[in-house]
Every structure is written in structure tokens, then in C-alpha cells.
Amino acid sequence: MAAVVVWQVEDTARAFFEVDDFVEFVAIQTETAVRHIANSYPYDAHEAGQMSLRDNADEITAKLSKEIAARVASAGVKVIESRITHLAYAPEIAQAMLRRQQAGAVVAARQRIVEGAVGMVEAALTKLDEHNVVELDEERKAAMVSNLLVVLCSDHTTQPVINTGSLYQ
């Protein structure tokens, strides 16, 4: 995480007498505040309502500005603005987080596929019943539902199977 801070000396006497080097003091205090904020919030929110660096940049930047201002006030320095300029995972965890994001996308896609497949199965059963195409008992309905869900939810193309027997033999 990196940030840029715009500041000015508001009280020259305090800037000169309270610290050895006010420019270095501001840099050190800014880095300390950035590290504190970075450790206080997760990069991504993993729970609903949780603040994160990526999703709540404006709120967190405001907290960063307040924290920097409080840290540098003793040196007669006023913070005009601060802004987060760079936000990324550390290299050692970037690959693991990418896999997590991909897994979340796969799960969301699968949920959507299942919802669509269930809707299609419901529609098929309703149409068959409305048009009296075939009379299905509960066991045959269950077999049909199972077969349709496998076909509709599968990642691979389906292979036709010719049934030479009966469901009851």
C-alpha cells in the first residue's frame, strides 16, 4: 500500500523547535499511519458489512488523513490531503488470493447454472403434464429430473444412451 500526502507547515516555530527535521518527521509519521491503516483493514471484505481497503477507499482515506494529521500536529504541520495511490497484495499471497477469487467466480457460475437447470426441469415437467405427452409416476419423474440435471449442469457434452430395458426390470 502506498499513499501520497499533501501538507504544509502551519506553525514554523513548532516545525523548527519541536522536531529535528520536520520533513523526515512527516515522512516517518505518514509511513507509520499507512502501515497502521493497512494492518487494520483487510484488502477484500470477506463478510457482509466489513470495511476493506479495496471496497471502502474513500472512508479509509479519510481515516488515514485524520491519523496522519494527528501524528504530525505536534510539529506544526497541517495535512491538506492524503490519497491511497497503490493497493496490491504482497507477492507471496497474490497467487493464493487469485485462486480464491477464481474459486468464488466458479461457485457463482455453478449456482447460476443450477438455478437455470432447475427452472428448465420444472418447465419440462409442466409442459409434459399440460400436453399429456407421457404419464410419469414419481419414480420415473425422479429419474427424468436426475437425467436432465446431469445433462444441463455438466461441463462436458453428453453422450446419448439408448435404454433397452425398463426402469422396473
Protein backbone atom coordinates (compact mmCIF):
# COMPACT_ATOMS: atom_id res chain seq x y z
CA MET A 1 0.00 0.00 0.00
CA ALA A 2 1.30 3.45 -0.86
CA ALA A 3 -0.10 6.91 -0.27
CA VAL A 4 0.62 10.50 -1.21
CA VAL A 5 0.20 13.25 1.35
CA VAL A 6 -0.08 16.97 0.64
CA TRP A 7 0.88 19.02 3.69
CA GLN A 8 2.12 22.42 4.73
CA VAL A 9 3.88 23.94 7.69
CA GLU A 10 1.31 25.85 9.68
CA ASP A 11 3.46 26.82 12.67
CA THR A 12 7.11 27.43 11.70
CA ALA A 13 8.30 27.73 15.29
CA ARG A 14 6.92 24.30 16.20
CA ALA A 15 8.25 22.79 12.96
CA PHE A 16 11.71 24.14 13.75
CA PHE A 17 11.91 23.53 17.52
CA GLU A 18 9.69 20.50 18.23
CA VAL A 19 11.43 18.05 15.85
CA ASP A 20 14.93 17.72 14.38
CA ASP A 21 13.81 17.55 10.74
CA PHE A 22 10.12 18.19 10.10
CA VAL A 23 10.26 16.79 6.53
CA GLU A 24 11.68 13.49 7.77
CA PHE A 25 9.24 13.55 10.70
CA VAL A 26 6.26 13.88 8.35
CA ALA A 27 7.59 11.04 6.16
CA ILE A 28 8.07 8.71 9.14
CA GLN A 29 4.68 9.53 10.66
CA THR A 30 2.97 9.09 7.29
CA GLU A 31 4.56 5.68 6.78
CA THR A 32 3.56 4.65 10.30
CA ALA A 33 -0.04 5.74 9.69
CA VAL A 34 -0.18 3.93 6.31
CA ARG A 35 1.13 0.74 7.93
CA HIS A 36 -1.40 1.05 10.76
CA ILE A 37 -4.31 1.51 8.34
CA ALA A 38 -3.05 -1.33 6.11
CA ASN A 39 -2.95 -3.65 9.12
CA SER A 40 -6.35 -2.52 10.39
CA TYR A 41 -8.41 -3.42 7.32
CA PRO A 42 -8.41 -6.44 5.01
CA TYR A 43 -7.70 -5.95 1.31
CA ASP A 44 -11.05 -7.55 0.38
CA ALA A 45 -14.17 -7.83 2.52
CA HIS A 46 -14.88 -11.48 3.31
CA GLU A 47 -18.02 -10.79 5.30
CA ALA A 48 -21.03 -8.61 4.57
CA GLY A 49 -20.73 -5.14 6.06
CA GLN A 50 -16.99 -5.41 6.67
CA MET A 51 -14.87 -2.46 5.54
CA SER A 52 -11.99 -3.26 3.20
CA LEU A 53 -9.16 -1.32 1.60
CA ARG A 54 -10.40 -2.07 -1.90
CA ASP A 55 -14.12 -1.50 -1.43
CA ASN A 56 -14.10 1.42 1.01
CA ALA A 57 -11.22 3.55 -0.27
CA ASP A 58 -12.91 6.90 0.43
CA GLU A 59 -13.77 6.11 4.05
CA ILE A 60 -10.37 4.60 4.74
CA THR A 61 -8.56 7.51 3.05
CA ALA A 62 -10.46 9.89 5.35
CA LYS A 63 -9.32 7.85 8.37
CA LEU A 64 -5.77 7.90 7.01
CA SER A 65 -5.86 11.69 6.68
CA LYS A 66 -7.10 12.08 10.27
CA GLU A 67 -4.47 9.72 11.61
CA ILE A 68 -1.62 11.45 9.75
CA ALA A 69 -2.90 14.87 10.85
CA ALA A 70 -2.96 13.76 14.49
CA ARG A 71 0.57 12.37 14.22
CA VAL A 72 2.15 15.47 12.62
CA ALA A 73 0.24 18.18 14.51
CA SER A 74 2.93 18.37 17.21
CA ALA A 75 5.42 19.55 14.55
CA GLY A 76 3.15 22.42 13.42
CA VAL A 77 2.25 20.63 10.18
CA LYS A 78 -1.22 20.64 8.62
CA VAL A 79 -2.37 17.81 6.31
CA ILE A 80 -4.22 19.21 3.32
CA GLU A 81 -5.00 15.93 1.61
CA SER A 82 -3.94 12.30 1.53
CA ARG A 83 -4.78 9.68 -1.02
CA ILE A 84 -4.03 5.97 -1.42
CA THR A 85 -2.04 5.63 -4.66
CA HIS A 86 -1.23 1.93 -4.77
CA LEU A 87 -3.01 -1.06 -3.33
CA ALA A 88 -1.97 -4.62 -4.11
CA TYR A 89 -1.46 -7.98 -2.48
CA ALA A 90 2.02 -8.83 -1.29
CA PRO A 91 3.71 -11.05 -3.91
CA GLU A 92 3.78 -14.05 -1.59
CA ILE A 93 -0.03 -14.12 -1.23
CA ALA A 94 -1.11 -12.72 -4.61
CA GLN A 95 -1.33 -16.17 -6.25
CA ALA A 96 -3.37 -17.63 -3.39
CA MET A 97 -5.79 -14.70 -3.48
CA LEU A 98 -6.15 -15.04 -7.25
CA ARG A 99 -7.12 -18.70 -6.78
CA ARG A 100 -9.63 -17.64 -4.13
CA GLN A 101 -11.21 -15.08 -6.49
CA GLN A 102 -11.35 -17.67 -9.28
CA ALA A 103 -12.97 -20.21 -6.95
CA GLY A 104 -15.59 -17.64 -5.98
CA ALA A 105 -16.33 -16.97 -9.64
CA VAL A 106 -16.67 -20.70 -10.36
CA VAL A 107 -19.05 -21.16 -7.41
CA ALA A 108 -21.17 -18.19 -8.52
CA ALA A 109 -21.30 -19.54 -12.09
CA ARG A 110 -22.26 -23.01 -10.86
CA GLN A 111 -25.05 -21.57 -8.72
CA ARG A 112 -26.41 -19.73 -11.74
CA ILE A 113 -26.21 -22.89 -13.87
CA VAL A 114 -28.05 -24.94 -11.25
CA GLU A 115 -30.77 -22.28 -10.86
CA GLY A 116 -31.26 -22.25 -14.64
CA ALA A 117 -31.26 -26.03 -14.87
CA VAL A 118 -33.85 -26.39 -12.11
CA GLY A 119 -36.05 -23.86 -13.89
CA MET A 120 -35.72 -25.77 -17.17
CA VAL A 121 -36.58 -29.08 -15.48
CA GLU A 122 -39.65 -27.51 -13.85
CA ALA A 123 -40.72 -26.14 -17.22
CA ALA A 124 -40.20 -29.52 -18.92
CA LEU A 125 -42.26 -31.37 -16.32
CA THR A 126 -45.02 -28.75 -16.51
CA LYS A 127 -45.17 -28.93 -20.34
CA LEU A 128 -45.23 -32.73 -20.33
CA ASP A 129 -48.06 -32.68 -17.82
CA GLU A 130 -50.04 -29.92 -19.62
CA HIS A 131 -49.87 -31.62 -23.02
CA ASN A 132 -50.39 -35.16 -21.70
CA VAL A 133 -47.31 -36.33 -23.59
CA VAL A 134 -46.49 -39.09 -21.15
CA GLU A 135 -47.78 -40.25 -17.78
CA LEU A 136 -44.93 -40.31 -15.28
CA ASP A 137 -45.09 -41.86 -11.82
CA GLU A 138 -42.90 -40.40 -9.06
CA GLU A 139 -40.01 -42.80 -9.65
CA ARG A 140 -39.86 -42.02 -13.40
CA LYS A 141 -40.15 -38.30 -12.69
CA ALA A 142 -37.19 -38.61 -10.31
CA ALA A 143 -35.16 -40.46 -12.97
CA MET A 144 -36.05 -37.83 -15.57
CA VAL A 145 -35.17 -34.97 -13.22
CA SER A 146 -31.86 -36.62 -12.40
CA ASN A 147 -31.01 -37.18 -16.07
CA LEU A 148 -31.97 -33.64 -17.08
CA LEU A 149 -29.97 -32.08 -14.26
CA VAL A 150 -26.90 -34.12 -15.20
CA VAL A 151 -27.20 -33.05 -18.83
CA LEU A 152 -27.89 -29.38 -18.04
CA CYS A 153 -25.27 -28.97 -15.30
CA SER A 154 -22.46 -30.98 -16.87
CA ASP A 155 -19.20 -29.39 -18.01
CA HIS A 156 -18.90 -31.89 -20.84
CA THR A 157 -21.04 -32.73 -23.82
CA THR A 158 -23.47 -35.52 -23.17
CA GLN A 159 -23.34 -38.95 -24.74
CA PRO A 160 -26.69 -40.47 -25.67
CA VAL A 161 -27.60 -43.74 -24.02
CA ILE A 162 -30.21 -45.99 -25.54
CA ASN A 163 -32.30 -47.70 -22.89
CA THR A 164 -33.09 -51.26 -23.92
CA GLY A 165 -34.82 -52.24 -20.75
CA SER A 166 -37.36 -50.83 -18.39
CA LEU A 167 -36.93 -48.79 -15.28
CA TYR A 168 -38.61 -51.57 -13.29
CA GLN A 169 -36.54 -54.56 -14.51
